[in-house]
Amino acid sequence: MKKIIHLSDLHVGYENCGVNLEKIVNEIIAHYQPASEYVVVITGDTVDDAKQKGAYEKTLAILSPLKKAKYQMLVVPGNHDYGSGGLGDEKFVRLFKIAYFGDENISYPKVDVIDNIAFIGLDSMAATFGFFDRIGADGELGKQQLNALEKLLAGHELAGKKKVIYLHHHPFDGKGKAHMLKDYKKFKEIVENKIDCLLFGHNHDGNQYPDVWGIPYCYDGSSSTGKSAPKKPATKMRVIEL
């Protein structure tokens, strides 16, 4: 079974975050081998400001050695991937998909079954583009995505597989309304006691939450590159074996 390398909140374009990400990539390649045993999961905010020209491309260039070394890599967007972090623009939904997946028709939940693990990627910015909703750093999955997730988990397609859900916004502690996942209550109803691992970022805390909502493994990925990290040392990455 694959091991998971969890990265989050890369914020390439902010101060030394790009340089720090290069170090992380080199560390992964040097110490986590063979590449075929790992899946790299990135829970959003790959860039610090999507409005900056070439923002996605800069991050992809730094991550490219992982792809060349044959690491499987999964990614979902964060609030900074769709704008400046506090103001989103729906045009970046399409641009993010083209940059990271090469396909603007990708939809969420995005399911990748690797070995016996079903990785389910969610877009926690999906319902944040209304006139007022686009302002702020909060997140919302939206009814359409939540309904699709509920159907997926209730069906037979993923029966017998480990299930890992990964998204950007923190589902337990939003640090106030300005940062919260607004539809977390419905999300909880859908995933409670039904999945094996929940990965997220956004708060930059790096905390662990064992057995919350009946989920054995719940991890905040911190800011792997150290942006606005708390006083305790930032969690660069976690290696998770289910």
Protein backbone atom coordinates (compact mmCIF):
# COMPACT_ATOMS: atom_id res chain seq x y z
CA MET A 1 0.00 0.00 0.00
CA LYS A 2 1.24 3.48 -0.88
CA LYS A 3 2.59 5.87 1.73
CA ILE A 4 1.31 9.46 1.57
CA ILE A 5 3.57 12.52 1.63
CA HIS A 6 1.32 15.40 2.67
CA LEU A 7 2.28 18.95 1.66
CA SER A 8 0.15 22.07 1.97
CA ASP A 9 0.08 25.85 1.62
CA LEU A 10 3.18 26.17 -0.55
CA HIS A 11 2.54 29.87 -1.29
CA VAL A 12 5.16 30.05 -4.02
CA GLY A 13 5.67 33.73 -4.84
CA TYR A 14 5.81 34.82 -1.21
CA GLU A 15 9.29 35.67 0.11
CA ASN A 16 11.37 32.47 0.38
CA CYS A 17 8.56 29.96 -0.11
CA GLY A 18 9.78 28.94 -3.57
CA VAL A 19 13.30 28.29 -2.28
CA ASN A 20 11.91 26.34 0.66
CA LEU A 21 9.81 24.21 -1.67
CA GLU A 22 12.90 23.39 -3.74
CA LYS A 23 14.56 22.08 -0.57
CA ILE A 24 11.51 19.95 0.24
CA VAL A 25 11.45 18.48 -3.27
CA ASN A 26 15.14 17.61 -3.02
CA GLU A 27 14.59 16.05 0.41
CA ILE A 28 11.75 13.89 -0.86
CA ILE A 29 13.80 12.61 -3.80
CA ALA A 30 16.84 11.97 -1.60
CA HIS A 31 15.13 10.19 1.30
CA TYR A 32 11.79 8.75 0.20
CA GLN A 33 12.56 6.00 -2.25
CA PRO A 34 11.53 4.19 -4.30
CA ALA A 35 9.18 6.81 -5.69
CA SER A 36 6.69 4.10 -6.63
CA GLU A 37 5.87 3.60 -2.92
CA TYR A 38 4.65 7.19 -2.37
CA VAL A 39 1.83 9.51 -3.35
CA VAL A 40 2.42 13.25 -2.85
CA VAL A 41 -0.81 15.00 -1.82
CA ILE A 42 -0.89 18.83 -1.87
CA THR A 43 -3.86 20.42 -0.10
CA GLY A 44 -4.02 23.80 -1.79
CA ASP A 45 -2.51 27.26 -1.89
CA THR A 46 0.15 26.13 -4.34
CA VAL A 47 0.73 29.82 -5.14
CA ASP A 48 0.51 32.97 -3.06
CA ASP A 49 -1.31 35.05 -5.66
CA ALA A 50 -2.86 33.46 -8.74
CA LYS A 51 -3.18 36.91 -10.33
CA GLN A 52 0.59 37.18 -10.71
CA LYS A 53 1.73 36.29 -14.23
CA GLY A 54 3.09 32.76 -14.45
CA ALA A 55 2.21 31.92 -10.84
CA TYR A 56 1.14 28.31 -11.48
CA GLU A 57 4.04 27.76 -13.83
CA LYS A 58 6.58 28.76 -11.16
CA THR A 59 5.19 26.20 -8.74
CA LEU A 60 5.00 23.50 -11.39
CA ALA A 61 8.62 24.14 -12.38
CA ILE A 62 9.75 23.59 -8.78
CA LEU A 63 7.63 20.44 -8.46
CA SER A 64 8.71 19.05 -11.85
CA PRO A 65 11.62 16.96 -10.46
CA LEU A 66 9.05 14.93 -8.51
CA LYS A 67 7.21 14.14 -11.71
CA LYS A 68 10.46 13.26 -13.47
CA ALA A 69 11.36 10.97 -10.58
CA LYS A 70 7.99 9.19 -11.07
CA TYR A 71 6.24 10.29 -7.88
CA GLN A 72 2.47 10.30 -8.20
CA MET A 73 1.17 13.73 -7.28
CA LEU A 74 -2.35 14.87 -6.39
CA VAL A 75 -3.44 18.46 -5.79
CA VAL A 76 -6.53 20.50 -4.98
CA PRO A 77 -6.96 24.29 -5.03
CA GLY A 78 -6.95 26.70 -2.10
CA ASN A 79 -8.16 30.27 -1.82
CA HIS A 80 -4.83 31.69 -3.03
CA ASP A 81 -4.99 29.46 -6.11
CA TYR A 82 -8.13 31.30 -7.22
CA GLY A 83 -6.97 34.85 -6.53
CA SER A 84 -5.04 36.82 -3.93
CA GLY A 85 -6.35 34.80 -0.98
CA GLY A 86 -8.96 37.29 0.17
CA LEU A 87 -10.65 37.93 -3.18
CA GLY A 88 -11.47 35.07 -5.55
CA ASP A 89 -12.10 35.13 -9.29
CA GLU A 90 -13.95 32.24 -10.95
CA LYS A 91 -11.79 32.41 -14.07
CA PHE A 92 -8.99 30.75 -12.12
CA VAL A 93 -11.02 27.55 -11.68
CA ARG A 94 -10.49 26.74 -15.34
CA LEU A 95 -6.88 27.97 -15.38
CA PHE A 96 -5.98 25.86 -12.33
CA LYS A 97 -7.40 22.73 -13.94
CA ILE A 98 -5.50 23.32 -17.17
CA ALA A 99 -2.24 23.97 -15.30
CA TYR A 100 -2.35 21.04 -12.91
CA PHE A 101 -4.46 18.44 -14.72
CA GLY A 102 -4.13 19.42 -18.37
CA ASP A 103 -7.92 19.19 -18.62
CA GLU A 104 -10.40 21.99 -17.93
CA ASN A 105 -13.24 19.44 -17.70
CA ILE A 106 -11.97 17.79 -14.51
CA SER A 107 -14.73 17.74 -11.88
CA TYR A 108 -14.83 17.34 -8.11
CA PRO A 109 -14.97 15.06 -6.23
CA LYS A 110 -11.88 13.96 -8.16
CA VAL A 111 -11.27 10.26 -7.53
CA ASP A 112 -7.93 8.52 -8.08
CA VAL A 113 -7.66 4.88 -7.02
CA ILE A 114 -4.02 4.03 -6.38
CA ASP A 115 -3.30 0.52 -5.13
CA ASN A 116 -6.14 -0.05 -2.67
CA ILE A 117 -6.56 3.61 -1.68
CA ALA A 118 -9.25 5.86 -3.12
CA PHE A 119 -8.01 9.46 -3.03
CA ILE A 120 -10.95 11.86 -3.17
CA GLY A 121 -10.04 15.46 -3.93
CA LEU A 122 -12.51 18.26 -3.14
CA ASP A 123 -12.61 21.92 -4.15
CA SER A 124 -13.43 23.84 -0.97
CA MET A 125 -13.67 27.05 -3.01
CA ALA A 126 -16.39 25.68 -5.31
CA ALA A 127 -19.26 27.73 -3.90
CA THR A 128 -17.44 30.95 -3.03
CA PHE A 129 -17.91 33.06 -6.16
CA GLY A 130 -21.12 34.92 -5.39
CA PHE A 131 -21.02 38.70 -5.18
CA PHE A 132 -20.17 38.68 -1.47
CA ASP A 133 -18.93 35.08 -1.16
CA ARG A 134 -15.85 35.81 -3.27
CA ILE A 135 -14.59 38.16 -0.55
CA GLY A 136 -12.63 36.60 2.33
CA ALA A 137 -10.68 33.44 2.97
CA ASP A 138 -13.53 31.14 3.92
CA GLY A 139 -14.53 28.08 1.93
CA GLU A 140 -17.64 26.24 0.80
CA LEU A 141 -18.02 22.92 -0.97
CA GLY A 142 -21.55 23.61 -2.22
CA LYS A 143 -24.60 21.37 -2.59
CA GLN A 144 -23.62 19.89 -5.95
CA GLN A 145 -20.22 18.70 -4.76
CA LEU A 146 -21.55 17.49 -1.40
CA ASN A 147 -24.33 15.52 -3.09
CA ALA A 148 -21.83 13.90 -5.42
CA LEU A 149 -19.58 13.03 -2.46
CA GLU A 150 -22.48 11.53 -0.51
CA LYS A 151 -23.47 9.38 -3.49
CA LEU A 152 -19.88 8.29 -3.99
CA LEU A 153 -19.39 7.18 -0.38
CA ALA A 154 -22.76 5.43 -0.28
CA GLY A 155 -22.17 3.49 -3.49
CA HIS A 156 -20.31 0.27 -4.24
CA GLU A 157 -17.58 1.78 -6.43
CA LEU A 158 -15.14 2.24 -3.54
CA ALA A 159 -16.19 -0.74 -1.41
CA GLY A 160 -13.26 -2.47 0.28
CA LYS A 161 -10.84 0.39 -0.39
CA LYS A 162 -9.18 2.77 2.03
CA LYS A 163 -10.64 6.23 1.52
CA VAL A 164 -8.63 9.45 1.79
CA ILE A 165 -10.36 12.81 1.36
CA TYR A 166 -8.18 15.85 0.79
CA LEU A 167 -9.26 19.49 0.56
CA HIS A 168 -7.89 22.90 1.47
CA HIS A 169 -10.09 24.42 4.17
CA HIS A 170 -9.92 23.22 7.75
CA PRO A 171 -13.18 21.38 8.53
CA PHE A 172 -12.96 21.53 12.35
CA ASP A 173 -11.52 24.91 13.25
CA GLY A 174 -11.91 27.82 10.89
CA LYS A 175 -10.36 30.38 13.27
CA GLY A 176 -13.53 32.45 12.95
CA LYS A 177 -16.05 32.95 10.17
CA ALA A 178 -13.53 34.60 7.88
CA HIS A 179 -11.62 31.33 7.46
CA MET A 180 -14.18 28.58 8.08
CA LEU A 181 -15.55 25.87 5.82
CA LYS A 182 -19.10 27.19 5.83
CA ASP A 183 -20.87 23.91 5.07
CA TYR A 184 -18.80 21.80 7.46
CA LYS A 185 -21.90 20.44 9.24
CA LYS A 186 -23.22 18.78 6.08
CA PHE A 187 -19.70 17.64 5.23
CA LYS A 188 -19.47 16.01 8.65
CA GLU A 189 -22.77 14.17 8.12
CA ILE A 190 -21.46 12.73 4.87
CA VAL A 191 -17.98 11.61 5.95
CA GLU A 192 -18.47 10.70 9.62
CA ASN A 193 -17.31 7.09 10.23
CA LYS A 194 -17.03 6.53 6.47
CA ILE A 195 -13.43 7.39 5.55
CA ASP A 196 -9.96 6.47 6.78
CA CYS A 197 -8.03 9.72 6.43
CA LEU A 198 -8.78 13.44 6.08
CA LEU A 199 -6.09 15.85 4.89
CA PHE A 200 -6.37 19.64 4.77
CA GLY A 201 -4.43 22.88 5.27
CA HIS A 202 -5.34 26.58 5.29
CA ASN A 203 -4.71 27.35 8.99
CA HIS A 204 -0.94 26.69 8.85
CA ASP A 205 -1.12 24.96 12.25
CA GLY A 206 0.18 21.49 11.47
CA ASN A 207 -2.00 19.85 14.11
CA GLN A 208 -3.16 16.25 14.32
CA TYR A 209 -6.74 15.31 15.15
CA PRO A 210 -6.98 11.57 15.92
CA ASP A 211 -10.42 10.00 15.61
CA VAL A 212 -12.36 13.21 15.02
CA TRP A 213 -15.72 12.41 13.38
CA GLY A 214 -14.79 8.73 13.58
CA ILE A 215 -11.91 9.25 11.12
CA PRO A 216 -8.69 7.57 12.33
CA TYR A 217 -6.23 9.97 10.67
CA CYS A 218 -6.92 13.72 10.37
CA TYR A 219 -4.04 16.08 9.60
CA ASP A 220 -3.56 19.80 9.06
CA GLY A 221 -0.63 20.12 6.68
CA SER A 222 0.62 23.46 8.07
CA SER A 223 2.47 25.62 5.55
CA SER A 224 5.14 23.28 4.26
CA THR A 225 7.21 26.23 3.10
CA GLY A 226 6.84 28.15 6.37
CA LYS A 227 4.57 31.05 5.44
CA SER A 228 3.00 32.65 8.53
CA ALA A 229 3.74 29.54 10.55
CA PRO A 230 2.87 29.51 14.26
CA LYS A 231 5.54 29.88 16.93
CA LYS A 232 6.15 26.15 16.95
CA PRO A 233 8.22 24.85 14.01
CA ALA A 234 6.30 24.45 10.79
CA THR A 235 5.50 20.91 9.65
CA LYS A 236 7.28 20.69 6.31
CA MET A 237 5.68 17.41 5.39
CA ARG A 238 4.10 14.34 6.89
CA VAL A 239 4.61 10.80 5.73
CA ILE A 240 1.46 8.84 6.47
CA GLU A 241 1.06 5.08 6.28
CA LEU A 242 -2.56 4.01 6.67
